[in-house]
Amino acid sequence: TVASDTALDLGRVERYLTLAWGSGGVPVVAITKTDSGRVTEESVLAAAPGVTVCSTSAVSADGIDSLTAHLHGTVALIGPSGSGKSTLGNALIGSTAFATGTTREADAKGRHTTVRRELIPVPRLGLTLLDTPGLRSVGVQGSEDAVASAFSDIDELAALCRFGDCAHVHEPGCAVLAAVETGEITERRLGNYRKLLRENAWTTSRHDARARSEKLREYKQMTKSLRQKYAADGGRR
């Protein structure tokens, strides 16, 4: 969910989409609180090519039916605190099933009203809604394909680059850089694409290193146990 009453952070939207694609799900972006905000579907689409974006208002019920038409199976509501996830969930259910709160007057930021995951079936819609606590940050790991899905426009252009291992930095014949020059792709979006790929590579390598270390530790423990058993048996096999 993206709250329309706060400043739009396209980089955060791209991270959420990467998380959604990486989970094996199909993302749908819901702009909440459109009765009191300034975020438009067109502005969000700049970070979500090919993804369904719906403007909604839980107060007036505008856009709820349109959003529902794009939801299937188990639907996880994710977003920062105060973005209206639980309120949107209640609007979809048609009752006050999820606890909700208000944003702070001082900084207009959300309170952590939802403190645990909660799964509620909605038979009349054929859905199951999963409400989640607000996300302070979103990291990526083992999600290179998910990054490619979230940045499908850049990924498609990359296939047209002169070099197969093009990093889209200063290489000649780079279709992505050419798209930046023409304004088809923004510098901000390309920069975030590179950032998420670097972050994914770092966290993945770190995880792999830990896995190798754990395997080595297990091997050493097993070898030690065998030696102790061999010694206890007096060296007999």
C-alpha atoms as a PDB file:
ATOM      1  CA  THR A   1       0.000   0.000   0.000  1.00  0.00           C
ATOM      2  CA  VAL A   2       1.084   3.584  -0.724  1.00  0.00           C
ATOM      3  CA  ALA A   3      -0.417   6.361   1.396  1.00  0.00           C
ATOM      4  CA  SER A   4      -1.536   9.367  -0.624  1.00  0.00           C
ATOM      5  CA  ASP A   5      -1.244  11.763   2.328  1.00  0.00           C
ATOM      6  CA  THR A   6       2.551  11.390   2.584  1.00  0.00           C
ATOM      7  CA  ALA A   7       5.432  12.167   0.236  1.00  0.00           C
ATOM      8  CA  LEU A   8       5.787   9.530  -2.476  1.00  0.00           C
ATOM      9  CA  ASP A   9       9.008   7.508  -2.189  1.00  0.00           C
ATOM     10  CA  LEU A  10       9.420   5.684  -5.502  1.00  0.00           C
ATOM     11  CA  GLY A  11      12.518   3.889  -4.256  1.00  0.00           C
ATOM     12  CA  ARG A  12      10.490   2.352  -1.426  1.00  0.00           C
ATOM     13  CA  VAL A  13       7.788   1.312  -3.896  1.00  0.00           C
ATOM     14  CA  GLU A  14      10.423  -0.442  -6.013  1.00  0.00           C
ATOM     15  CA  ARG A  15      11.705  -2.293  -2.939  1.00  0.00           C
ATOM     16  CA  TYR A  16       8.203  -3.484  -2.054  1.00  0.00           C
ATOM     17  CA  LEU A  17       7.674  -4.691  -5.605  1.00  0.00           C
ATOM     18  CA  THR A  18      10.988  -6.573  -5.524  1.00  0.00           C
ATOM     19  CA  LEU A  19       9.915  -8.209  -2.254  1.00  0.00           C
ATOM     20  CA  ALA A  20       6.543  -9.170  -3.743  1.00  0.00           C
ATOM     21  CA  TRP A  21       8.017 -10.626  -6.947  1.00  0.00           C
ATOM     22  CA  GLY A  22      10.631 -12.494  -4.922  1.00  0.00           C
ATOM     23  CA  SER A  23       7.921 -14.136  -2.803  1.00  0.00           C
ATOM     24  CA  GLY A  24       6.380 -15.702  -5.897  1.00  0.00           C
ATOM     25  CA  GLY A  25       3.328 -13.468  -5.691  1.00  0.00           C
ATOM     26  CA  VAL A  26       1.869 -10.948  -8.133  1.00  0.00           C
ATOM     27  CA  PRO A  27       2.010  -7.379  -6.758  1.00  0.00           C
ATOM     28  CA  VAL A  28      -0.869  -4.932  -6.881  1.00  0.00           C
ATOM     29  CA  VAL A  29      -0.244  -1.388  -5.640  1.00  0.00           C
ATOM     30  CA  ALA A  30      -3.087   0.212  -3.683  1.00  0.00           C
ATOM     31  CA  ILE A  31      -2.916   3.974  -3.194  1.00  0.00           C
ATOM     32  CA  THR A  32      -4.788   4.630   0.058  1.00  0.00           C
ATOM     33  CA  LYS A  33      -6.373   7.783   1.487  1.00  0.00           C
ATOM     34  CA  THR A  34      -6.900   9.280  -1.968  1.00  0.00           C
ATOM     35  CA  ASP A  35      -9.639  11.491  -0.530  1.00  0.00           C
ATOM     36  CA  SER A  36      -7.003  13.442   1.402  1.00  0.00           C
ATOM     37  CA  GLY A  37      -3.793  13.128  -0.605  1.00  0.00           C
ATOM     38  CA  ARG A  38      -1.875  14.048  -3.715  1.00  0.00           C
ATOM     39  CA  VAL A  39      -0.321  10.805  -5.013  1.00  0.00           C
ATOM     40  CA  THR A  40      -1.649   9.796  -8.430  1.00  0.00           C
ATOM     41  CA  GLU A  41      -1.664   6.459 -10.231  1.00  0.00           C
ATOM     42  CA  GLU A  42       0.516   7.963 -12.964  1.00  0.00           C
ATOM     43  CA  SER A  43       3.219   8.956 -10.453  1.00  0.00           C
ATOM     44  CA  VAL A  44       3.309   5.451  -8.960  1.00  0.00           C
ATOM     45  CA  LEU A  45       3.388   3.772 -12.380  1.00  0.00           C
ATOM     46  CA  ALA A  46       6.769   5.424 -12.925  1.00  0.00           C
ATOM     47  CA  ALA A  47       8.142   2.850 -10.464  1.00  0.00           C
ATOM     48  CA  ALA A  48       5.761   0.012 -11.291  1.00  0.00           C
ATOM     49  CA  PRO A  49       5.640  -0.700 -15.049  1.00  0.00           C
ATOM     50  CA  GLY A  50       3.253  -3.507 -15.868  1.00  0.00           C
ATOM     51  CA  VAL A  51       1.840  -3.602 -12.322  1.00  0.00           C
ATOM     52  CA  THR A  52      -1.813  -2.864 -11.511  1.00  0.00           C
ATOM     53  CA  VAL A  53      -2.172   0.374  -9.533  1.00  0.00           C
ATOM     54  CA  CYS A  54      -5.504   1.245  -7.896  1.00  0.00           C
ATOM     55  CA  SER A  55      -6.557   4.429  -6.092  1.00  0.00           C
ATOM     56  CA  THR A  56      -8.718   3.704  -3.043  1.00  0.00           C
ATOM     57  CA  SER A  57     -10.415   5.396  -0.121  1.00  0.00           C
ATOM     58  CA  ALA A  58     -11.629   3.368   2.834  1.00  0.00           C
ATOM     59  CA  VAL A  59     -13.682   6.375   3.960  1.00  0.00           C
ATOM     60  CA  SER A  60     -15.746   6.792   0.772  1.00  0.00           C
ATOM     61  CA  ALA A  61     -15.201   3.206  -0.511  1.00  0.00           C
ATOM     62  CA  ASP A  62     -14.003   4.642  -3.823  1.00  0.00           C
ATOM     63  CA  GLY A  63     -11.859   2.175  -5.750  1.00  0.00           C
ATOM     64  CA  ILE A  64     -12.464  -0.747  -3.369  1.00  0.00           C
ATOM     65  CA  ASP A  65     -14.476  -2.749  -5.913  1.00  0.00           C
ATOM     66  CA  SER A  66     -11.892  -2.054  -8.617  1.00  0.00           C
ATOM     67  CA  LEU A  67      -9.089  -3.213  -6.338  1.00  0.00           C
ATOM     68  CA  THR A  68     -10.988  -6.344  -5.320  1.00  0.00           C
ATOM     69  CA  ALA A  69     -11.282  -7.393  -8.956  1.00  0.00           C
ATOM     70  CA  HIS A  70      -7.488  -7.690  -9.129  1.00  0.00           C
ATOM     71  CA  LEU A  71      -7.045  -9.711  -5.923  1.00  0.00           C
ATOM     72  CA  HIS A  72      -6.941 -13.507  -5.841  1.00  0.00           C
ATOM     73  CA  GLY A  73      -6.088 -16.239  -3.331  1.00  0.00           C
ATOM     74  CA  THR A  74      -4.061 -15.146  -0.306  1.00  0.00           C
ATOM     75  CA  VAL A  75      -3.419 -11.401  -0.231  1.00  0.00           C
ATOM     76  CA  ALA A  76      -0.672  -9.995   1.998  1.00  0.00           C
ATOM     77  CA  LEU A  77      -1.008  -6.304   2.870  1.00  0.00           C
ATOM     78  CA  ILE A  78       2.443  -4.731   3.159  1.00  0.00           C
ATOM     79  CA  GLY A  79       3.629  -1.162   3.573  1.00  0.00           C
ATOM     80  CA  PRO A  80       4.967   1.278   6.181  1.00  0.00           C
ATOM     81  CA  SER A  81       3.092   2.065   9.392  1.00  0.00           C
ATOM     82  CA  GLY A  82       0.313   4.559   8.818  1.00  0.00           C
ATOM     83  CA  SER A  83      -0.160   3.702   5.154  1.00  0.00           C
ATOM     84  CA  GLY A  84      -3.654   2.359   5.844  1.00  0.00           C
ATOM     85  CA  LYS A  85      -3.098  -1.384   5.404  1.00  0.00           C
ATOM     86  CA  SER A  86      -5.423  -2.482   8.205  1.00  0.00           C
ATOM     87  CA  THR A  87      -8.044   0.114   7.308  1.00  0.00           C
ATOM     88  CA  LEU A  88      -7.934  -1.057   3.697  1.00  0.00           C
ATOM     89  CA  GLY A  89      -8.246  -4.658   4.890  1.00  0.00           C
ATOM     90  CA  ASN A  90     -11.348  -3.769   6.891  1.00  0.00           C
ATOM     91  CA  ALA A  91     -12.841  -2.066   3.842  1.00  0.00           C
ATOM     92  CA  LEU A  92     -12.252  -5.197   1.765  1.00  0.00           C
ATOM     93  CA  ILE A  93     -13.747  -7.432   4.470  1.00  0.00           C
ATOM     94  CA  GLY A  94     -16.672  -5.130   5.167  1.00  0.00           C
ATOM     95  CA  SER A  95     -16.184  -5.112   8.954  1.00  0.00           C
ATOM     96  CA  THR A  96     -13.711  -4.035  11.613  1.00  0.00           C
ATOM     97  CA  ALA A  97     -11.617  -7.174  11.701  1.00  0.00           C
ATOM     98  CA  PHE A  98      -8.166  -5.560  11.952  1.00  0.00           C
ATOM     99  CA  ALA A  99      -7.163  -3.072  14.649  1.00  0.00           C
ATOM    100  CA  THR A 100      -6.433   0.413  13.309  1.00  0.00           C
ATOM    101  CA  GLY A 101      -4.883   3.585  14.666  1.00  0.00           C
ATOM    102  CA  THR A 102      -4.203   7.185  13.737  1.00  0.00           C
ATOM    103  CA  THR A 103      -1.046   8.915  12.557  1.00  0.00           C
ATOM    104  CA  ARG A 104       0.886  11.209  14.884  1.00  0.00           C
ATOM    105  CA  GLU A 105      -0.032  14.876  14.554  1.00  0.00           C
ATOM    106  CA  ALA A 106       3.574  15.991  15.051  1.00  0.00           C
ATOM    107  CA  ASP A 107       5.082  14.269  12.011  1.00  0.00           C
ATOM    108  CA  ALA A 108       2.099  12.566  10.293  1.00  0.00           C
ATOM    109  CA  LYS A 109       3.826   9.208  10.699  1.00  0.00           C
ATOM    110  CA  GLY A 110       2.009   6.014  11.566  1.00  0.00           C
ATOM    111  CA  ARG A 111       1.930   4.249  14.910  1.00  0.00           C
ATOM    112  CA  HIS A 112       2.671   0.517  15.072  1.00  0.00           C
ATOM    113  CA  THR A 113      -0.938  -0.504  15.732  1.00  0.00           C
ATOM    114  CA  THR A 114      -0.508  -3.869  13.999  1.00  0.00           C
ATOM    115  CA  VAL A 115       2.077  -5.808  16.015  1.00  0.00           C
ATOM    116  CA  ARG A 116       1.590  -9.310  14.593  1.00  0.00           C
ATOM    117  CA  ARG A 117       0.556 -11.023  11.398  1.00  0.00           C
ATOM    118  CA  GLU A 118      -3.134 -11.837  11.216  1.00  0.00           C
ATOM    119  CA  LEU A 119      -4.822 -14.056   8.628  1.00  0.00           C
ATOM    120  CA  ILE A 120      -8.561 -13.676   8.012  1.00  0.00           C
ATOM    121  CA  PRO A 121     -10.622 -15.515   5.357  1.00  0.00           C
ATOM    122  CA  VAL A 122     -13.100 -13.501   3.289  1.00  0.00           C
ATOM    123  CA  PRO A 123     -15.403 -16.156   1.757  1.00  0.00           C
ATOM    124  CA  ARG A 124     -17.627 -13.700  -0.100  1.00  0.00           C
ATOM    125  CA  LEU A 125     -14.601 -12.493  -2.080  1.00  0.00           C
ATOM    126  CA  GLY A 126     -12.863 -15.858  -2.291  1.00  0.00           C
ATOM    127  CA  LEU A 127      -9.832 -14.313  -0.578  1.00  0.00           C
ATOM    128  CA  THR A 128      -7.727 -14.701   2.532  1.00  0.00           C
ATOM    129  CA  LEU A 129      -6.256 -11.436   3.834  1.00  0.00           C
ATOM    130  CA  LEU A 130      -2.946 -11.307   5.701  1.00  0.00           C
ATOM    131  CA  ASP A 131      -2.411  -8.099   7.654  1.00  0.00           C
ATOM    132  CA  THR A 132       1.204  -7.386   8.600  1.00  0.00           C
ATOM    133  CA  PRO A 133       3.065  -4.916  10.878  1.00  0.00           C
ATOM    134  CA  GLY A 134       4.454  -1.812   9.225  1.00  0.00           C
ATOM    135  CA  LEU A 135       7.818  -2.265   7.513  1.00  0.00           C
ATOM    136  CA  ARG A 136      10.577   0.140   8.544  1.00  0.00           C
ATOM    137  CA  SER A 137      12.964  -1.183   5.915  1.00  0.00           C
ATOM    138  CA  VAL A 138      13.034  -3.779   3.138  1.00  0.00           C
ATOM    139  CA  GLY A 139      16.141  -5.717   2.112  1.00  0.00           C
ATOM    140  CA  VAL A 140      16.675  -8.070  -0.805  1.00  0.00           C
ATOM    141  CA  GLN A 141      18.514 -11.386  -0.801  1.00  0.00           C
ATOM    142  CA  GLY A 142      18.727 -14.078  -3.447  1.00  0.00           C
ATOM    143  CA  SER A 143      16.348 -12.003  -5.544  1.00  0.00           C
ATOM    144  CA  GLU A 144      18.154 -11.142  -8.766  1.00  0.00           C
ATOM    145  CA  ASP A 145      15.169 -12.408 -10.769  1.00  0.00           C
ATOM    146  CA  ALA A 146      12.856 -10.398  -8.506  1.00  0.00           C
ATOM    147  CA  VAL A 147      14.877  -7.234  -9.170  1.00  0.00           C
ATOM    148  CA  ALA A 148      14.617  -7.947 -12.905  1.00  0.00           C
ATOM    149  CA  SER A 149      10.826  -8.296 -12.545  1.00  0.00           C
ATOM    150  CA  ALA A 150      10.501  -5.065 -10.555  1.00  0.00           C
ATOM    151  CA  PHE A 151      12.603  -3.245 -13.152  1.00  0.00           C
ATOM    152  CA  SER A 152      11.217  -5.020 -16.209  1.00  0.00           C
ATOM    153  CA  ASP A 153      11.659  -1.919 -18.371  1.00  0.00           C
ATOM    154  CA  ILE A 154      15.394  -1.775 -17.645  1.00  0.00           C
ATOM    155  CA  ASP A 155      15.738  -5.560 -17.925  1.00  0.00           C
ATOM    156  CA  GLU A 156      14.163  -5.521 -21.408  1.00  0.00           C
ATOM    157  CA  LEU A 157      16.450  -2.705 -22.538  1.00  0.00           C
ATOM    158  CA  ALA A 158      19.498  -4.512 -21.127  1.00  0.00           C
ATOM    159  CA  ALA A 159      18.923  -7.311 -23.628  1.00  0.00           C
ATOM    160  CA  LEU A 160      19.614  -4.770 -26.384  1.00  0.00           C
ATOM    161  CA  CYS A 161      22.994  -3.641 -25.023  1.00  0.00           C
ATOM    162  CA  ARG A 162      26.065  -4.314 -27.178  1.00  0.00           C
ATOM    163  CA  PHE A 163      27.771  -6.323 -24.441  1.00  0.00           C
ATOM    164  CA  GLY A 164      26.082  -9.161 -22.576  1.00  0.00           C
ATOM    165  CA  ASP A 165      27.773  -8.211 -19.287  1.00  0.00           C
ATOM    166  CA  CYS A 166      26.980  -4.507 -19.632  1.00  0.00           C
ATOM    167  CA  ALA A 167      26.861  -2.763 -16.225  1.00  0.00           C
ATOM    168  CA  HIS A 168      25.000   0.252 -17.657  1.00  0.00           C
ATOM    169  CA  VAL A 169      27.577   2.714 -16.333  1.00  0.00           C
ATOM    170  CA  HIS A 170      29.674   3.989 -19.246  1.00  0.00           C
ATOM    171  CA  GLU A 171      29.831   1.109 -21.748  1.00  0.00           C
ATOM    172  CA  PRO A 172      29.458   1.963 -25.458  1.00  0.00           C
ATOM    173  CA  GLY A 173      26.304   0.693 -27.102  1.00  0.00           C
ATOM    174  CA  CYS A 174      24.376   0.590 -23.792  1.00  0.00           C
ATOM    175  CA  ALA A 175      20.649   0.670 -24.538  1.00  0.00           C
ATOM    176  CA  VAL A 176      19.836   1.518 -20.921  1.00  0.00           C
ATOM    177  CA  LEU A 177      22.043   4.618 -20.861  1.00  0.00           C
ATOM    178  CA  ALA A 178      20.570   5.638 -24.207  1.00  0.00           C
ATOM    179  CA  ALA A 179      17.102   5.408 -22.642  1.00  0.00           C
ATOM    180  CA  VAL A 180      18.266   7.634 -19.776  1.00  0.00           C
ATOM    181  CA  GLU A 181      19.488  10.236 -22.263  1.00  0.00           C
ATOM    182  CA  THR A 182      16.109  10.302 -24.005  1.00  0.00           C
ATOM    183  CA  GLY A 183      14.214  10.457 -20.707  1.00  0.00           C
ATOM    184  CA  GLU A 184      12.615   7.035 -21.135  1.00  0.00           C
ATOM    185  CA  ILE A 185      14.346   5.894 -17.925  1.00  0.00           C
ATOM    186  CA  THR A 186      15.172   8.298 -15.068  1.00  0.00           C
ATOM    187  CA  GLU A 187      18.601   8.516 -13.448  1.00  0.00           C
ATOM    188  CA  ARG A 188      16.916   7.861 -10.115  1.00  0.00           C
ATOM    189  CA  ARG A 189      15.352   4.603 -11.289  1.00  0.00           C
ATOM    190  CA  LEU A 190      18.568   3.337 -12.883  1.00  0.00           C
ATOM    191  CA  GLY A 191      20.480   4.254  -9.725  1.00  0.00           C
ATOM    192  CA  ASN A 192      18.068   2.314  -7.524  1.00  0.00           C
ATOM    193  CA  TYR A 193      18.248  -0.653  -9.915  1.00  0.00           C
ATOM    194  CA  ARG A 194      22.024  -0.757  -9.549  1.00  0.00           C
ATOM    195  CA  LYS A 195      21.723  -0.327  -5.784  1.00  0.00           C
ATOM    196  CA  LEU A 196      19.331  -3.245  -5.350  1.00  0.00           C
ATOM    197  CA  LEU A 197      21.496  -5.501  -7.532  1.00  0.00           C
ATOM    198  CA  ARG A 198      24.579  -4.635  -5.430  1.00  0.00           C
ATOM    199  CA  GLU A 199      22.644  -5.178  -2.211  1.00  0.00           C
ATOM    200  CA  ASN A 200      21.329  -8.507  -3.447  1.00  0.00           C
ATOM    201  CA  ALA A 201      24.810  -9.663  -4.483  1.00  0.00           C
ATOM    202  CA  TRP A 202      26.296  -8.664  -1.106  1.00  0.00           C
ATOM    203  CA  THR A 203      23.612 -10.302   1.059  1.00  0.00           C
ATOM    204  CA  THR A 204      23.611 -13.432  -1.086  1.00  0.00           C
ATOM    205  CA  SER A 205      27.405 -13.822  -0.862  1.00  0.00           C
ATOM    206  CA  ARG A 206      27.257 -13.214   2.880  1.00  0.00           C
ATOM    207  CA  HIS A 207      24.589 -15.884   3.268  1.00  0.00           C
ATOM    208  CA  ASP A 208      26.599 -18.336   1.146  1.00  0.00           C
ATOM    209  CA  ALA A 209      29.701 -17.689   3.252  1.00  0.00           C
ATOM    210  CA  ARG A 210      27.753 -18.430   6.421  1.00  0.00           C
ATOM    211  CA  ALA A 211      26.372 -21.616   4.882  1.00  0.00           C
ATOM    212  CA  ARG A 212      29.887 -22.789   3.955  1.00  0.00           C
ATOM    213  CA  SER A 213      31.125 -21.957   7.463  1.00  0.00           C
ATOM    214  CA  GLU A 214      28.275 -23.931   9.038  1.00  0.00           C
ATOM    215  CA  LYS A 215      28.975 -26.951   6.817  1.00  0.00           C
ATOM    216  CA  LEU A 216      32.672 -26.828   7.764  1.00  0.00           C
ATOM    217  CA  ARG A 217      31.789 -26.631  11.468  1.00  0.00           C
ATOM    218  CA  GLU A 218      29.480 -29.650  11.156  1.00  0.00           C
ATOM    219  CA  TYR A 219      32.193 -31.593   9.314  1.00  0.00           C
ATOM    220  CA  LYS A 220      34.753 -30.814  12.012  1.00  0.00           C
ATOM    221  CA  GLN A 221      32.341 -31.880  14.768  1.00  0.00           C
ATOM    222  CA  MET A 222      31.600 -35.138  12.975  1.00  0.00           C
ATOM    223  CA  THR A 223      35.319 -35.845  12.463  1.00  0.00           C
ATOM    224  CA  LYS A 224      36.035 -35.118  16.131  1.00  0.00           C
ATOM    225  CA  SER A 225      33.237 -37.469  17.237  1.00  0.00           C
ATOM    226  CA  LEU A 226      34.574 -40.264  15.011  1.00  0.00           C
ATOM    227  CA  ARG A 227      38.093 -39.821  16.381  1.00  0.00           C
ATOM    228  CA  GLN A 228      36.816 -39.929  19.974  1.00  0.00           C
ATOM    229  CA  LYS A 229      34.828 -43.082  19.236  1.00  0.00           C
ATOM    230  CA  TYR A 230      37.842 -44.681  17.553  1.00  0.00           C
ATOM    231  CA  ALA A 231      40.019 -43.850  20.578  1.00  0.00           C
ATOM    232  CA  ALA A 232      37.420 -45.253  22.987  1.00  0.00           C
ATOM    233  CA  ASP A 233      37.362 -48.509  21.037  1.00  0.00           C
ATOM    234  CA  GLY A 234      41.105 -48.826  21.526  1.00  0.00           C
ATOM    235  CA  GLY A 235      41.877 -48.061  17.960  1.00  0.00           C
ATOM    236  CA  ARG A 236      39.867 -51.016  16.687  1.00  0.00           C
ATOM    237  CA  ARG A 237      37.825 -50.558  13.554  1.00  0.00           C
END
